[in-house]
PDB file of N, CA and C in Angstrom:
ATOM      1  N   MET A   1     136.754   6.843 -69.198  1.00  0.00           N
ATOM      2  CA  MET A   1     135.516   6.939 -69.929  1.00  0.00           C
ATOM      3  C   MET A   1     134.891   5.216 -70.146  1.00  0.00           C
ATOM      4  N   SER A   2     133.678   5.914 -70.602  1.00  0.00           N
ATOM      5  CA  SER A   2     132.602   5.162 -69.944  1.00  0.00           C
ATOM      6  C   SER A   2     131.427   4.817 -71.400  1.00  0.00           C
ATOM      7  N   ARG A   3     131.939   4.254 -72.410  1.00  0.00           N
ATOM      8  CA  ARG A   3     131.345   4.309 -73.622  1.00  0.00           C
ATOM      9  C   ARG A   3     130.090   3.422 -73.487  1.00  0.00           C
ATOM     10  N   GLN A   4     128.634   3.896 -74.311  1.00  0.00           N
ATOM     11  CA  GLN A   4     127.563   3.439 -73.956  1.00  0.00           C
ATOM     12  C   GLN A   4     127.055   2.938 -75.495  1.00  0.00           C
ATOM     13  N   THR A   5     126.238   1.577 -75.835  1.00  0.00           N
ATOM     14  CA  THR A   5     126.028   1.786 -77.219  1.00  0.00           C
ATOM     15  C   THR A   5     124.300   1.459 -76.374  1.00  0.00           C
ATOM     16  N   HIS A   6     123.381   2.436 -77.518  1.00  0.00           N
ATOM     17  CA  HIS A   6     122.106   2.227 -77.466  1.00  0.00           C
ATOM     18  C   HIS A   6     121.479   1.889 -78.410  1.00  0.00           C
ATOM     19  N   PHE A   7     120.450   1.342 -78.603  1.00  0.00           N
ATOM     20  CA  PHE A   7     119.826   0.595 -79.513  1.00  0.00           C
ATOM     21  C   PHE A   7     118.411   0.979 -80.124  1.00  0.00           C
ATOM     22  N   HIS A   8     118.049   1.481 -81.410  1.00  0.00           N
ATOM     23  CA  HIS A   8     116.409   2.157 -81.254  1.00  0.00           C
ATOM     24  C   HIS A   8     116.408   1.707 -82.777  1.00  0.00           C
ATOM     25  N   VAL A   9     114.682   1.411 -82.585  1.00  0.00           N
ATOM     26  CA  VAL A   9     114.167   1.510 -83.738  1.00  0.00           C
ATOM     27  C   VAL A   9     113.277   2.599 -84.514  1.00  0.00           C
ATOM     28  N   GLN A  10     113.070   2.913 -85.517  1.00  0.00           N
ATOM     29  CA  GLN A  10     112.244   3.891 -86.261  1.00  0.00           C
ATOM     30  C   GLN A  10     111.458   3.413 -87.328  1.00  0.00           C
ATOM     31  N   SER A  11     110.130   3.422 -86.782  1.00  0.00           N
ATOM     32  CA  SER A  11     109.386   3.209 -88.293  1.00  0.00           C
ATOM     33  C   SER A  11     108.672   4.384 -88.810  1.00  0.00           C
ATOM     34  N   PHE A  12     108.548   3.905 -90.165  1.00  0.00           N
ATOM     35  CA  PHE A  12     107.800   5.345 -90.955  1.00  0.00           C
ATOM     36  C   PHE A  12     106.219   4.777 -91.685  1.00  0.00           C
ATOM     37  N   ASP A  13     105.553   5.976 -91.382  1.00  0.00           N
ATOM     38  CA  ASP A  13     104.116   5.838 -92.092  1.00  0.00           C
ATOM     39  C   ASP A  13     103.837   6.392 -93.508  1.00  0.00           C
ATOM     40  N   PRO A  14     103.073   5.965 -94.187  1.00  0.00           N
ATOM     41  CA  PRO A  14     102.923   6.911 -95.655  1.00  0.00           C
ATOM     42  C   PRO A  14     102.710   8.301 -95.026  1.00  0.00           C
ATOM     43  N   GLY A  15     103.047   9.855 -95.672  1.00  0.00           N
ATOM     44  CA  GLY A  15     102.254  10.881 -95.286  1.00  0.00           C
ATOM     45  C   GLY A  15     101.882  11.200 -96.465  1.00  0.00           C
ATOM     46  N   LYS A  16     101.633  12.849 -96.459  1.00  0.00           N
ATOM     47  CA  LYS A  16     100.889  13.487 -97.406  1.00  0.00           C
ATOM     48  C   LYS A  16     101.913  13.182 -98.705  1.00  0.00           C
ATOM     49  N   GLY A  17     101.405  13.002 -99.921  1.00  0.00           N
ATOM     50  CA  GLY A  17     101.999  12.876-101.410  1.00  0.00           C
ATOM     51  C   GLY A  17     103.052  11.696-101.381  1.00  0.00           C
ATOM     52  N   ASP A  18     104.335  11.570-101.552  1.00  0.00           N
ATOM     53  CA  ASP A  18     105.113  11.097-101.446  1.00  0.00           C
ATOM     54  C   ASP A  18     106.380  10.963-100.368  1.00  0.00           C
ATOM     55  N   GLN A  19     105.814  11.629 -99.395  1.00  0.00           N
ATOM     56  CA  GLN A  19     106.304  12.266 -97.639  1.00  0.00           C
ATOM     57  C   GLN A  19     106.151  10.367 -96.582  1.00  0.00           C
ATOM     58  N   LEU A  20     107.336  10.412 -96.087  1.00  0.00           N
ATOM     59  CA  LEU A  20     107.226   9.933 -95.052  1.00  0.00           C
ATOM     60  C   LEU A  20     107.055  10.222 -93.799  1.00  0.00           C
ATOM     61  N   LYS A  21     106.104   9.811 -92.707  1.00  0.00           N
ATOM     62  CA  LYS A  21     105.595  10.390 -91.277  1.00  0.00           C
ATOM     63  C   LYS A  21     106.547   9.474 -90.555  1.00  0.00           C
ATOM     64  N   ALA A  22     107.725  10.032 -89.863  1.00  0.00           N
ATOM     65  CA  ALA A  22     108.128   9.366 -88.717  1.00  0.00           C
ATOM     66  C   ALA A  22     107.115   9.120 -87.415  1.00  0.00           C
ATOM     67  N   ASP A  23     107.366   7.713 -86.954  1.00  0.00           N
ATOM     68  CA  ASP A  23     106.809   7.190 -85.717  1.00  0.00           C
ATOM     69  C   ASP A  23     107.361   7.185 -84.389  1.00  0.00           C
ATOM     70  N   ALA A  24     107.081   7.505 -83.451  1.00  0.00           N
ATOM     71  CA  ALA A  24     107.917   8.034 -82.283  1.00  0.00           C
ATOM     72  C   ALA A  24     109.010   6.842 -82.240  1.00  0.00           C
ATOM     73  N   PRO A  25     110.415   7.152 -81.981  1.00  0.00           N
ATOM     74  CA  PRO A  25     111.030   6.113 -81.699  1.00  0.00           C
ATOM     75  C   PRO A  25     111.070   5.331 -80.751  1.00  0.00           C
ATOM     76  N   ILE A  26     111.447   3.968 -80.913  1.00  0.00           N
ATOM     77  CA  ILE A  26     111.528   2.906 -79.937  1.00  0.00           C
ATOM     78  C   ILE A  26     112.525   2.551 -79.155  1.00  0.00           C
ATOM     79  N   ALA A  27     113.067   2.647 -77.735  1.00  0.00           N
ATOM     80  CA  ALA A  27     114.463   2.045 -77.440  1.00  0.00           C
ATOM     81  C   ALA A  27     114.431   0.753 -77.210  1.00  0.00           C
ATOM     82  N   CYS A  28     115.342  -0.155 -77.594  1.00  0.00           N
ATOM     83  CA  CYS A  28     115.665  -1.627 -77.318  1.00  0.00           C
ATOM     84  C   CYS A  28     116.636  -1.657 -76.292  1.00  0.00           C
ATOM     85  N   ARG A  29     116.738  -2.679 -75.868  1.00  0.00           N
ATOM     86  CA  ARG A  29     117.909  -3.511 -74.562  1.00  0.00           C
ATOM     87  C   ARG A  29     119.293  -3.790 -75.573  1.00  0.00           C
ATOM     88  N   SER A  30     119.179  -4.186 -77.028  1.00  0.00           N
ATOM     89  CA  SER A  30     119.888  -5.329 -77.372  1.00  0.00           C
ATOM     90  C   SER A  30     119.991  -5.180 -78.919  1.00  0.00           C
ATOM     91  N   GLU A  31     120.655  -5.305 -79.656  1.00  0.00           N
ATOM     92  CA  GLU A  31     120.748  -5.325 -81.005  1.00  0.00           C
ATOM     93  C   GLU A  31     119.492  -6.369 -81.287  1.00  0.00           C
ATOM     94  N   GLU A  32     120.052  -7.478 -80.674  1.00  0.00           N
ATOM     95  CA  GLU A  32     118.800  -8.648 -81.268  1.00  0.00           C
ATOM     96  C   GLU A  32     117.224  -8.328 -80.741  1.00  0.00           C
ATOM     97  N   SER A  33     116.872  -7.184 -79.779  1.00  0.00           N
ATOM     98  CA  SER A  33     115.585  -7.112 -79.351  1.00  0.00           C
ATOM     99  C   SER A  33     115.375  -6.219 -80.448  1.00  0.00           C
ATOM    100  N   ALA A  34     115.856  -4.956 -80.960  1.00  0.00           N
ATOM    101  CA  ALA A  34     115.904  -4.011 -81.850  1.00  0.00           C
ATOM    102  C   ALA A  34     115.721  -4.597 -83.047  1.00  0.00           C
ATOM    103  N   ARG A  35     116.455  -5.720 -83.962  1.00  0.00           N
ATOM    104  CA  ARG A  35     116.253  -6.346 -84.760  1.00  0.00           C
ATOM    105  C   ARG A  35     114.515  -7.143 -84.834  1.00  0.00           C
ATOM    106  N   ARG A  36     114.202  -7.853 -83.749  1.00  0.00           N
ATOM    107  CA  ARG A  36     113.028  -8.449 -83.847  1.00  0.00           C
ATOM    108  C   ARG A  36     111.798  -7.276 -83.476  1.00  0.00           C
ATOM    109  N   THR A  37     112.060  -6.415 -83.255  1.00  0.00           N
ATOM    110  CA  THR A  37     110.869  -5.144 -83.087  1.00  0.00           C
ATOM    111  C   THR A  37     110.893  -4.491 -84.320  1.00  0.00           C
ATOM    112  N   ALA A  38     111.651  -4.259 -85.080  1.00  0.00           N
ATOM    113  CA  ALA A  38     111.972  -4.106 -86.308  1.00  0.00           C
ATOM    114  C   ALA A  38     111.310  -4.984 -87.327  1.00  0.00           C
ATOM    115  N   GLU A  39     111.418  -6.458 -87.483  1.00  0.00           N
ATOM    116  CA  GLU A  39     111.124  -7.022 -88.274  1.00  0.00           C
ATOM    117  C   GLU A  39     109.601  -7.084 -87.964  1.00  0.00           C
ATOM    118  N   ARG A  40     109.076  -7.102 -86.548  1.00  0.00           N
ATOM    119  CA  ARG A  40     107.705  -7.132 -86.671  1.00  0.00           C
ATOM    120  C   ARG A  40     107.382  -6.109 -86.918  1.00  0.00           C
ATOM    121  N   LEU A  41     107.775  -4.630 -87.000  1.00  0.00           N
ATOM    122  CA  LEU A  41     106.907  -3.484 -87.619  1.00  0.00           C
ATOM    123  C   LEU A  41     107.048  -3.604 -89.063  1.00  0.00           C
ATOM    124  N   ALA A  42     107.805  -4.150 -89.563  1.00  0.00           N
ATOM    125  CA  ALA A  42     107.996  -4.156 -90.926  1.00  0.00           C
ATOM    126  C   ALA A  42     107.112  -4.659 -91.855  1.00  0.00           C
ATOM    127  N   MET A  43     106.283  -5.645 -91.212  1.00  0.00           N
ATOM    128  CA  MET A  43     104.937  -6.100 -91.591  1.00  0.00           C
ATOM    129  C   MET A  43     103.588  -5.312 -91.524  1.00  0.00           C
ATOM    130  N   SER A  44     104.007  -4.096 -90.996  1.00  0.00           N
ATOM    131  CA  SER A  44     102.954  -3.184 -90.864  1.00  0.00           C
ATOM    132  C   SER A  44     103.022  -1.605 -91.359  1.00  0.00           C
ATOM    133  N   LYS A  45     104.004  -1.595 -91.424  1.00  0.00           N
ATOM    134  CA  LYS A  45     104.510   0.265 -91.696  1.00  0.00           C
ATOM    135  C   LYS A  45     105.210   0.173 -92.856  1.00  0.00           C
ATOM    136  N   ALA A  46     105.145   1.481 -93.839  1.00  0.00           N
ATOM    137  CA  ALA A  46     105.524   1.541 -95.022  1.00  0.00           C
ATOM    138  C   ALA A  46     107.438   1.470 -94.914  1.00  0.00           C
ATOM    139  N   GLY A  47     108.038   1.933 -93.916  1.00  0.00           N
ATOM    140  CA  GLY A  47     109.295   1.416 -93.772  1.00  0.00           C
ATOM    141  C   GLY A  47     109.671   1.374 -92.536  1.00  0.00           C
ATOM    142  N   VAL A  48     110.945   0.517 -92.173  1.00  0.00           N
ATOM    143  CA  VAL A  48     111.672   0.912 -90.728  1.00  0.00           C
ATOM    144  C   VAL A  48     112.588   0.471 -90.412  1.00  0.00           C
ATOM    145  N   VAL A  49     113.741   1.464 -89.838  1.00  0.00           N
ATOM    146  CA  VAL A  49     115.034   0.707 -89.471  1.00  0.00           C
ATOM    147  C   VAL A  49     115.506   0.655 -88.214  1.00  0.00           C
ATOM    148  N   ALA A  50     116.312  -0.236 -87.947  1.00  0.00           N
ATOM    149  CA  ALA A  50     117.082  -0.233 -86.212  1.00  0.00           C
ATOM    150  C   ALA A  50     118.354  -0.126 -86.787  1.00  0.00           C
ATOM    151  N   PHE A  51     118.782   0.879 -85.701  1.00  0.00           N
ATOM    152  CA  PHE A  51     120.210   1.470 -85.857  1.00  0.00           C
ATOM    153  C   PHE A  51     120.804   1.285 -84.168  1.00  0.00           C
ATOM    154  N   SER A  52     121.850   1.629 -84.241  1.00  0.00           N
ATOM    155  CA  SER A  52     122.701   1.717 -82.663  1.00  0.00           C
ATOM    156  C   SER A  52     123.359   2.878 -83.077  1.00  0.00           C
ATOM    157  N   THR A  53     123.570   3.527 -81.899  1.00  0.00           N
ATOM    158  CA  THR A  53     124.693   4.714 -81.462  1.00  0.00           C
ATOM    159  C   THR A  53     125.556   4.174 -80.305  1.00  0.00           C
ATOM    160  N   SER A  54     126.074   5.026 -80.116  1.00  0.00           N
ATOM    161  CA  SER A  54     127.026   5.278 -78.899  1.00  0.00           C
ATOM    162  C   SER A  54     127.555   6.654 -78.468  1.00  0.00           C
ATOM    163  N   SER A  55     127.599   6.475 -77.021  1.00  0.00           N
ATOM    164  CA  SER A  55     128.098   7.787 -76.828  1.00  0.00           C
ATOM    165  C   SER A  55     128.623   7.553 -75.247  1.00  0.00           C
ATOM    166  N   ASP A  56     129.470   8.664 -74.876  1.00  0.00           N
ATOM    167  CA  ASP A  56     130.237   8.694 -73.454  1.00  0.00           C
ATOM    168  C   ASP A  56     129.391  10.003 -72.735  1.00  0.00           C
ATOM    169  N   THR A  57     128.470   9.359 -71.977  1.00  0.00           N
ATOM    170  CA  THR A  57     127.948  10.764 -71.517  1.00  0.00           C
ATOM    171  C   THR A  57     128.952  11.442 -70.775  1.00  0.00           C
ATOM    172  N   GLU A  58     130.072  11.109 -69.983  1.00  0.00           N
ATOM    173  CA  GLU A  58     131.401  11.260 -69.107  1.00  0.00           C
ATOM    174  C   GLU A  58     131.685  12.681 -69.861  1.00  0.00           C
ATOM    175  N   THR A  59     131.750  12.716 -70.929  1.00  0.00           N
ATOM    176  CA  THR A  59     132.494  13.948 -72.098  1.00  0.00           C
ATOM    177  C   THR A  59     131.386  14.435 -73.027  1.00  0.00           C
ATOM    178  N   ASP A  60     130.349  13.803 -73.008  1.00  0.00           N
ATOM    179  CA  ASP A  60     129.248  14.591 -74.371  1.00  0.00           C
ATOM    180  C   ASP A  60     129.608  14.290 -75.244  1.00  0.00           C
ATOM    181  N   ASP A  61     130.332  13.123 -75.700  1.00  0.00           N
ATOM    182  CA  ASP A  61     131.015  12.316 -76.709  1.00  0.00           C
ATOM    183  C   ASP A  61     129.899  11.601 -77.642  1.00  0.00           C
ATOM    184  N   TYR A  62     129.221  11.789 -78.810  1.00  0.00           N
ATOM    185  CA  TYR A  62     128.233  11.195 -79.199  1.00  0.00           C
ATOM    186  C   TYR A  62     128.544  10.686 -80.695  1.00  0.00           C
ATOM    187  N   ASP A  63     128.567   9.640 -81.146  1.00  0.00           N
ATOM    188  CA  ASP A  63     128.416   8.992 -82.465  1.00  0.00           C
ATOM    189  C   ASP A  63     128.157  10.286 -83.037  1.00  0.00           C
ATOM    190  N   ASP A  64     128.498  10.431 -84.326  1.00  0.00           N
ATOM    191  CA  ASP A  64     128.286  11.546 -85.526  1.00  0.00           C
ATOM    192  C   ASP A  64     126.724  10.786 -86.608  1.00  0.00           C
ATOM    193  N   GLN A  65     127.163   9.479 -86.775  1.00  0.00           N
ATOM    194  CA  GLN A  65     126.264   8.508 -87.470  1.00  0.00           C
ATOM    195  C   GLN A  65     125.710   7.630 -87.226  1.00  0.00           C
ATOM    196  N   PRO A  66     124.853   6.955 -87.146  1.00  0.00           N
ATOM    197  CA  PRO A  66     124.457   5.707 -86.067  1.00  0.00           C
ATOM    198  C   PRO A  66     124.757   4.601 -87.188  1.00  0.00           C
ATOM    199  N   THR A  67     124.800   3.583 -86.760  1.00  0.00           N
ATOM    200  CA  THR A  67     124.978   2.269 -87.251  1.00  0.00           C
ATOM    201  C   THR A  67     123.685   1.233 -87.412  1.00  0.00           C
ATOM    202  N   VAL A  68     123.649   1.713 -88.921  1.00  0.00           N
ATOM    203  CA  VAL A  68     121.789   0.884 -89.222  1.00  0.00           C
ATOM    204  C   VAL A  68     122.455  -0.563 -89.294  1.00  0.00           C
ATOM    205  N   PHE A  69     121.433  -1.684 -88.881  1.00  0.00           N
ATOM    206  CA  PHE A  69     121.841  -2.898 -88.921  1.00  0.00           C
ATOM    207  C   PHE A  69     120.694  -3.774 -89.548  1.00  0.00           C
ATOM    208  N   PHE A  70     119.463  -2.936 -89.818  1.00  0.00           N
ATOM    209  CA  PHE A  70     118.398  -3.217 -90.274  1.00  0.00           C
ATOM    210  C   PHE A  70     117.738  -2.450 -90.864  1.00  0.00           C
ATOM    211  N   ARG A  71     116.940  -2.945 -92.145  1.00  0.00           N
ATOM    212  CA  ARG A  71     116.145  -1.898 -92.712  1.00  0.00           C
ATOM    213  C   ARG A  71     115.286  -2.359 -93.567  1.00  0.00           C
ATOM    214  N   ALA A  72     114.432  -1.964 -93.546  1.00  0.00           N
ATOM    215  CA  ALA A  72     113.077  -2.863 -94.324  1.00  0.00           C
ATOM    216  C   ALA A  72     112.027  -1.564 -95.440  1.00  0.00           C
ATOM    217  N   GLY A  73     111.472  -1.957 -96.313  1.00  0.00           N
ATOM    218  CA  GLY A  73     110.657  -0.832 -96.644  1.00  0.00           C
ATOM    219  C   GLY A  73     110.884   0.474 -97.143  1.00  0.00           C
ATOM    220  N   ARG A  74     110.254   1.688 -97.291  1.00  0.00           N
ATOM    221  CA  ARG A  74     110.456   2.787 -97.714  1.00  0.00           C
ATOM    222  C   ARG A  74     111.223   3.880 -96.640  1.00  0.00           C
ATOM    223  N   VAL A  75     112.398   4.225 -96.430  1.00  0.00           N
ATOM    224  CA  VAL A  75     113.010   5.172 -95.305  1.00  0.00           C
ATOM    225  C   VAL A  75     113.414   6.032 -95.869  1.00  0.00           C
ATOM    226  N   PRO A  76     113.538   7.249 -95.296  1.00  0.00           N
ATOM    227  CA  PRO A  76     114.301   8.345 -95.842  1.00  0.00           C
ATOM    228  C   PRO A  76     115.839   8.397 -96.593  1.00  0.00           C
ATOM    229  N   ALA A  77     115.763   8.893 -97.432  1.00  0.00           N
ATOM    230  CA  ALA A  77     117.201   8.922 -98.076  1.00  0.00           C
ATOM    231  C   ALA A  77     118.499   8.772 -97.043  1.00  0.00           C
ATOM    232  N   GLU A  78     118.345   9.829 -96.092  1.00  0.00           N
ATOM    233  CA  GLU A  78     119.543   9.945 -95.342  1.00  0.00           C
ATOM    234  C   GLU A  78     119.825   8.730 -94.874  1.00  0.00           C
ATOM    235  N   PHE A  79     118.809   7.655 -94.531  1.00  0.00           N
ATOM    236  CA  PHE A  79     119.407   6.150 -94.101  1.00  0.00           C
ATOM    237  C   PHE A  79     120.045   5.385 -95.153  1.00  0.00           C
ATOM    238  N   ASP A  80     119.806   5.594 -96.421  1.00  0.00           N
ATOM    239  CA  ASP A  80     120.473   4.846 -97.694  1.00  0.00           C
ATOM    240  C   ASP A  80     122.045   5.059 -97.629  1.00  0.00           C
ATOM    241  N   SER A  81     122.794   6.155 -97.187  1.00  0.00           N
ATOM    242  CA  SER A  81     123.979   6.626 -96.942  1.00  0.00           C
ATOM    243  C   SER A  81     124.733   5.841 -95.805  1.00  0.00           C
ATOM    244  N   MET A  82     123.708   5.575 -95.139  1.00  0.00           N
ATOM    245  CA  MET A  82     124.545   4.778 -93.745  1.00  0.00           C
ATOM    246  C   MET A  82     124.998   3.498 -93.505  1.00  0.00           C
ATOM    247  N   PRO A  83     125.844   3.330 -93.562  1.00  0.00           N
ATOM    248  CA  PRO A  83     126.205   1.353 -93.422  1.00  0.00           C
ATOM    249  C   PRO A  83     125.282   0.574 -92.609  1.00  0.00           C
TER     250      PRO A  83
END
């Protein structure tokens, strides 16, 4: 089994009313790279979150919940319950 960790940054812009509109997710090479990207985006976005997921593509086993390691601004409620 070969487990791989993937790092992503998801940013959000204000939408209609009190809604948030998700931008395209950004894949990063490392946690540090994702954190730096998220910190930079946090200055201009309504909200941003950086997280990791792991998977084993040989067995199609994927994490059910991502691990959030950076959060700033307004993000959707589902990110509030993630560690």
